[in-house]
Amino acid sequence: MIYDRPYMRDENKSEGYTAITVLMLINLAVYIIQHLPMAFDSKFPYEYFALTSDTLPTLKLWALGSYAFLHETASLWHIAGNMILLFFIGRTVEAKLGKSTFYKLYFTCILSGAIAWLIFNTNPSRVIGASGATMGVLILFCLLQPDGKIFLIPFPFPIKAKWLGWATAGYNAWGFLTLEVPGHNSTAYSAHLGGMIGAYMFYKLYMNPSISLFKPEVSIETPSWIKKTTNDISTKFKVNMTNKKELQKEVDRILDKINDHGFGDLSDSEKATLDKAKDLLKK
């Protein structure tokens, strides 16, 4: 899987763990822990942390989030598929949003996936896995870079991200209507669709973009009621574009701001500086 990466600083200069790294480590640690009770024929942790139809009646509200960190132990593909998708697609989305905003997106998709599954599943059953969250991350990637090229192994030709988004949504909608609703399949298509809907609502309401999925460029503006009322003195900084060292220092400051607050918090001058720096720093 190959795609266009956004402009970002050298990864060797990044500070701390990325959100992707933290989430992957938690998922892998929980997956290892899940195997321990099996030696004693215990139902832990599924009994307490999986999402079930009686989660709300029994007030196990933590399961609305904890289910996404459990995976089936009978097959490695369940967790492997989710972590591969999170690693390859999530890095680009996190670079666009910043760490804190990415966490908000991820847990929004977890919650929306849980709600969607609970609405359509009332019989005794359970759901686990990060698929709702990772599907949401994929959909947001497709919204942010609709015309980005993606190579899917083993296909020898690239496809645009927006078509991958529509295909993923269509496949899960088909699975939901023909398999999950009639009760013929154990895959939680409703949770997948819920995660996708959560990502779309996050994109439309929280990020407030000005253009649609079908246009090649994305402009992200933070809603006026979220914006800070005080002026950020650093946004008025004028950088000498001919001084490469000074330019790199300003770019690093802007990237730190993206990491902390997201791309939508940048001023017009900071966005312009990043655009100009792409070409100047390559020389």
Protein backbone atom coordinates (compact mmCIF):
# COMPACT_ATOMS: atom_id res chain seq x y z
CA MET A 1 0.00 0.00 0.00
CA ILE A 2 1.64 3.23 -1.20
CA TYR A 3 0.19 6.72 -1.14
CA ASP A 4 1.11 10.40 -1.21
CA ARG A 5 2.58 11.53 2.11
CA PRO A 6 2.05 15.14 3.29
CA TYR A 7 4.96 17.48 3.90
CA MET A 8 6.35 16.82 7.34
CA ARG A 9 9.62 17.15 9.22
CA ASP A 10 12.27 14.47 9.47
CA GLU A 11 10.85 11.70 11.68
CA ASN A 12 14.16 11.55 13.55
CA LYS A 13 13.41 15.00 14.94
CA SER A 14 9.96 14.10 16.30
CA GLU A 15 9.48 14.15 20.05
CA GLY A 16 7.74 11.41 22.00
CA TYR A 17 5.58 8.60 20.66
CA THR A 18 3.05 9.23 17.92
CA ALA A 19 -0.61 8.40 18.53
CA ILE A 20 -0.28 5.56 16.02
CA THR A 21 2.60 4.02 17.99
CA VAL A 22 0.74 4.31 21.30
CA LEU A 23 -2.45 2.75 19.91
CA MET A 24 -0.58 -0.10 18.25
CA LEU A 25 1.38 -0.88 21.41
CA ILE A 26 -1.81 -0.93 23.50
CA ASN A 27 -3.56 -3.23 21.03
CA LEU A 28 -0.62 -5.62 20.87
CA ALA A 29 -0.20 -5.66 24.67
CA VAL A 30 -3.89 -6.42 25.18
CA TYR A 31 -3.74 -9.14 22.52
CA ILE A 32 -0.92 -10.86 24.42
CA ILE A 33 -2.77 -10.51 27.73
CA GLN A 34 -5.90 -12.06 26.18
CA HIS A 35 -4.08 -15.38 25.77
CA LEU A 36 -3.24 -15.75 29.47
CA PRO A 37 -6.73 -16.54 30.89
CA MET A 38 -7.26 -19.15 28.17
CA ALA A 39 -4.95 -21.51 30.06
CA PHE A 40 -7.47 -21.50 32.92
CA ASP A 41 -10.63 -21.68 30.77
CA SER A 42 -11.51 -18.17 31.89
CA LYS A 43 -13.85 -15.86 29.95
CA PHE A 44 -11.81 -12.85 31.01
CA PRO A 45 -11.43 -10.27 29.51
CA TYR A 46 -14.36 -10.84 27.11
CA GLU A 47 -16.88 -11.11 29.94
CA TYR A 48 -16.09 -7.61 31.19
CA PHE A 49 -14.65 -5.64 28.28
CA ALA A 50 -16.34 -6.88 25.09
CA LEU A 51 -19.34 -4.99 23.73
CA THR A 52 -22.53 -7.01 24.18
CA SER A 53 -26.24 -6.44 23.74
CA ASP A 54 -26.60 -6.06 27.52
CA THR A 55 -23.76 -3.51 27.90
CA LEU A 56 -26.16 -0.62 28.49
CA PRO A 57 -28.73 -2.47 30.68
CA THR A 58 -25.94 -3.72 32.96
CA LEU A 59 -24.25 -0.29 32.93
CA LYS A 60 -20.91 -1.63 31.67
CA LEU A 61 -20.37 1.67 29.92
CA TRP A 62 -16.60 1.22 29.69
CA ALA A 63 -17.23 -1.52 27.13
CA LEU A 64 -18.30 1.19 24.66
CA GLY A 65 -14.57 1.88 24.30
CA SER A 66 -12.75 -1.17 25.63
CA TYR A 67 -14.19 -3.54 22.99
CA ALA A 68 -12.01 -1.88 20.35
CA PHE A 69 -8.79 -3.03 22.04
CA LEU A 70 -9.76 -6.73 22.10
CA HIS A 71 -9.26 -9.04 19.11
CA GLU A 72 -10.02 -12.64 18.25
CA THR A 73 -7.21 -14.90 19.45
CA ALA A 74 -8.11 -17.80 17.16
CA SER A 75 -6.67 -15.99 14.14
CA LEU A 76 -3.84 -13.52 13.82
CA TRP A 77 -5.47 -11.84 10.83
CA HIS A 78 -8.04 -9.97 12.90
CA ILE A 79 -5.52 -7.84 14.75
CA ALA A 80 -2.95 -7.89 11.91
CA GLY A 81 -5.40 -6.41 9.40
CA ASN A 82 -6.40 -3.60 11.75
CA MET A 83 -2.85 -2.74 12.73
CA ILE A 84 -1.60 -2.74 9.13
CA LEU A 85 -4.38 -0.35 8.12
CA LEU A 86 -3.76 1.84 11.17
CA PHE A 87 -0.02 1.98 10.48
CA PHE A 88 -0.07 2.78 6.77
CA ILE A 89 -3.11 5.08 6.63
CA GLY A 90 -3.10 6.44 10.17
CA ARG A 91 0.36 8.02 9.90
CA THR A 92 -0.79 10.35 7.13
CA VAL A 93 -4.02 11.23 8.94
CA GLU A 94 -2.16 11.96 12.18
CA ALA A 95 0.33 14.15 10.32
CA LYS A 96 -2.63 16.14 8.97
CA LEU A 97 -4.57 16.42 12.23
CA GLY A 98 -1.95 16.39 14.97
CA LYS A 99 -1.71 13.88 17.82
CA SER A 100 -4.46 15.19 20.10
CA THR A 101 -6.99 15.61 17.27
CA PHE A 102 -6.19 12.15 15.95
CA TYR A 103 -7.02 10.67 19.36
CA LYS A 104 -10.36 12.50 19.26
CA LEU A 105 -11.07 11.07 15.80
CA TYR A 106 -10.10 7.53 16.81
CA PHE A 107 -12.27 7.42 19.92
CA THR A 108 -15.16 9.12 18.11
CA CYS A 109 -15.11 6.25 15.60
CA ILE A 110 -14.90 3.67 18.40
CA LEU A 111 -17.99 5.17 20.09
CA SER A 112 -20.00 5.63 16.89
CA GLY A 113 -19.19 2.05 15.87
CA ALA A 114 -20.40 0.78 19.24
CA ILE A 115 -23.64 2.77 19.05
CA ALA A 116 -24.38 1.57 15.51
CA TRP A 117 -23.82 -2.06 16.51
CA LEU A 118 -26.03 -1.78 19.61
CA ILE A 119 -28.88 -0.31 17.56
CA PHE A 120 -29.02 -3.28 15.20
CA ASN A 121 -28.00 -6.14 17.50
CA THR A 122 -30.34 -7.03 20.36
CA ASN A 123 -29.79 -10.80 20.47
CA PRO A 124 -27.14 -12.20 22.84
CA SER A 125 -23.88 -11.63 21.02
CA ARG A 126 -20.66 -9.69 21.34
CA VAL A 127 -18.34 -7.58 19.21
CA ILE A 128 -14.63 -6.89 19.62
CA GLY A 129 -11.94 -5.34 17.47
CA ALA A 130 -10.62 -2.01 16.21
CA SER A 131 -12.19 -2.34 12.77
CA GLY A 132 -14.76 0.41 13.33
CA ALA A 133 -12.02 2.82 14.35
CA THR A 134 -9.59 1.88 11.57
CA MET A 135 -12.36 2.04 8.96
CA GLY A 136 -13.11 5.54 10.23
CA VAL A 137 -9.45 6.52 9.90
CA LEU A 138 -9.48 5.20 6.32
CA ILE A 139 -12.59 7.22 5.44
CA LEU A 140 -11.10 10.41 6.88
CA PHE A 141 -7.94 9.80 4.86
CA CYS A 142 -10.11 9.53 1.73
CA LEU A 143 -11.86 12.78 2.64
CA LEU A 144 -8.62 14.64 3.30
CA GLN A 145 -6.82 13.37 0.19
CA PRO A 146 -9.60 12.30 -2.20
CA ASP A 147 -7.34 12.32 -5.25
CA GLY A 148 -4.33 10.77 -3.52
CA LYS A 149 -3.01 7.70 -5.32
CA ILE A 150 -3.04 4.35 -3.50
CA PHE A 151 -1.46 1.09 -4.67
CA LEU A 152 -3.21 -1.96 -3.28
CA ILE A 153 -1.25 -5.19 -3.38
CA PRO A 154 -1.57 -7.26 -5.59
CA PHE A 155 -3.22 -4.82 -8.02
CA PRO A 156 -0.60 -3.32 -10.40
CA PHE A 157 -2.34 0.03 -10.85
CA PRO A 158 -3.10 2.91 -8.46
CA ILE A 159 -6.59 4.01 -7.52
CA LYS A 160 -7.79 7.32 -6.13
CA ALA A 161 -8.48 7.38 -2.40
CA LYS A 162 -12.06 8.56 -2.87
CA TRP A 163 -12.92 5.46 -4.94
CA LEU A 164 -11.40 3.24 -2.26
CA GLY A 165 -13.59 5.04 0.28
CA TRP A 166 -16.76 4.49 -1.72
CA ALA A 167 -15.86 0.83 -2.38
CA THR A 168 -15.20 0.20 1.33
CA ALA A 169 -18.45 1.85 2.37
CA GLY A 170 -20.40 -0.02 -0.32
CA TYR A 171 -18.95 -3.41 0.60
CA ASN A 172 -19.77 -2.96 4.28
CA ALA A 173 -23.28 -1.70 3.49
CA TRP A 174 -23.83 -4.81 1.35
CA GLY A 175 -22.52 -7.07 4.13
CA PHE A 176 -24.73 -5.33 6.68
CA LEU A 177 -27.93 -5.70 4.64
CA THR A 178 -27.39 -9.20 3.24
CA LEU A 179 -25.44 -10.93 6.01
CA GLU A 180 -25.58 -9.19 9.38
CA VAL A 181 -29.26 -8.19 9.38
CA PRO A 182 -30.48 -11.70 8.43
CA GLY A 183 -28.07 -13.17 10.98
CA HIS A 184 -25.97 -15.14 8.48
CA ASN A 185 -22.54 -13.76 9.43
CA SER A 186 -20.62 -12.90 12.57
CA THR A 187 -18.79 -9.90 11.06
CA ALA A 188 -19.92 -6.63 12.68
CA TYR A 189 -20.56 -4.65 9.50
CA SER A 190 -22.75 -2.24 11.46
CA ALA A 191 -19.78 -1.32 13.68
CA HIS A 192 -17.66 -0.72 10.57
CA LEU A 193 -20.33 1.54 9.09
CA GLY A 194 -20.75 3.29 12.43
CA GLY A 195 -17.03 4.07 12.52
CA MET A 196 -17.19 5.44 8.97
CA ILE A 197 -20.19 7.62 9.81
CA GLY A 198 -18.39 8.85 12.93
CA ALA A 199 -15.37 9.85 10.80
CA TYR A 200 -17.61 11.65 8.29
CA MET A 201 -19.42 13.56 11.04
CA PHE A 202 -16.08 14.40 12.65
CA TYR A 203 -14.92 15.77 9.29
CA LYS A 204 -18.07 17.81 8.68
CA LEU A 205 -18.79 19.10 12.17
CA TYR A 206 -15.48 19.29 14.03
CA MET A 207 -13.10 20.11 11.21
CA ASN A 208 -15.64 22.09 9.17
CA PRO A 209 -14.02 21.68 5.72
CA SER A 210 -15.10 24.03 2.95
CA ILE A 211 -15.13 21.59 0.04
CA SER A 212 -16.45 18.14 -0.71
CA LEU A 213 -15.01 14.67 -1.17
CA PHE A 214 -14.95 15.04 -4.94
CA LYS A 215 -12.62 18.06 -5.14
CA PRO A 216 -8.83 17.63 -5.28
CA GLU A 217 -7.84 20.06 -2.55
CA VAL A 218 -8.93 20.24 1.06
CA SER A 219 -9.30 23.41 3.10
CA ILE A 220 -9.81 22.88 6.82
CA GLU A 221 -11.05 25.66 9.06
CA THR A 222 -11.64 25.41 12.79
CA PRO A 223 -15.17 26.57 13.74
CA SER A 224 -15.18 30.14 15.01
CA TRP A 225 -16.55 29.11 18.40
CA ILE A 226 -13.50 26.84 18.92
CA LYS A 227 -10.86 29.35 17.87
CA LYS A 228 -8.85 31.09 20.58
CA THR A 229 -9.90 34.62 21.39
CA THR A 230 -6.36 35.78 21.99
CA ASN A 231 -3.92 36.52 19.23
CA ASP A 232 -0.98 34.18 18.80
CA ILE A 233 2.06 36.40 18.52
CA SER A 234 4.02 33.63 16.79
CA THR A 235 1.67 33.74 13.76
CA LYS A 236 2.94 37.25 12.98
CA PHE A 237 6.51 36.05 12.71
CA LYS A 238 8.06 36.99 9.37
CA VAL A 239 10.65 34.50 8.21
CA ASN A 240 13.51 35.30 5.88
CA MET A 241 12.84 32.83 3.04
CA THR A 242 16.40 33.20 1.74
CA ASN A 243 17.92 31.99 5.01
CA LYS A 244 17.60 28.19 4.92
CA LYS A 245 18.46 27.73 8.61
CA GLU A 246 15.95 30.36 9.71
CA LEU A 247 13.33 28.89 7.37
CA GLN A 248 13.84 25.36 8.77
CA LYS A 249 13.46 26.71 12.30
CA GLU A 250 10.13 28.35 11.42
CA VAL A 251 8.92 25.19 9.65
CA ASP A 252 9.74 23.12 12.75
CA ARG A 253 7.74 25.58 14.90
CA ILE A 254 4.74 25.30 12.58
CA LEU A 255 4.93 21.50 12.54
CA ASP A 256 5.01 21.46 16.34
CA LYS A 257 1.86 23.60 16.28
CA ILE A 258 0.19 21.12 13.88
CA ASN A 259 1.17 18.26 16.16
CA ASP A 260 -0.37 19.98 19.20
CA HIS A 261 -3.45 21.65 17.70
CA GLY A 262 -4.01 20.26 14.20
CA PHE A 263 -3.65 21.72 10.73
CA GLY A 264 -6.84 23.78 11.01
CA ASP A 265 -5.28 25.99 13.72
CA LEU A 266 -2.65 27.42 11.37
CA SER A 267 -2.88 30.99 10.15
CA ASP A 268 -2.89 31.81 6.44
CA SER A 269 0.69 33.05 6.65
CA GLU A 270 1.84 29.81 8.29
CA LYS A 271 0.15 27.73 5.61
CA ALA A 272 1.82 29.87 2.95
CA THR A 273 5.19 29.42 4.65
CA LEU A 274 4.80 25.63 4.56
CA ASP A 275 3.85 25.70 0.89
CA LYS A 276 6.88 27.80 -0.03
CA ALA A 277 9.19 25.78 2.19
CA LYS A 278 8.39 22.56 0.31
CA ASP A 279 10.32 23.71 -2.74
CA LEU A 280 12.96 25.88 -1.06
CA LEU A 281 14.14 23.24 1.41
CA LYS A 282 14.49 20.65 -1.35
CA LYS A 283 17.11 22.75 -3.13
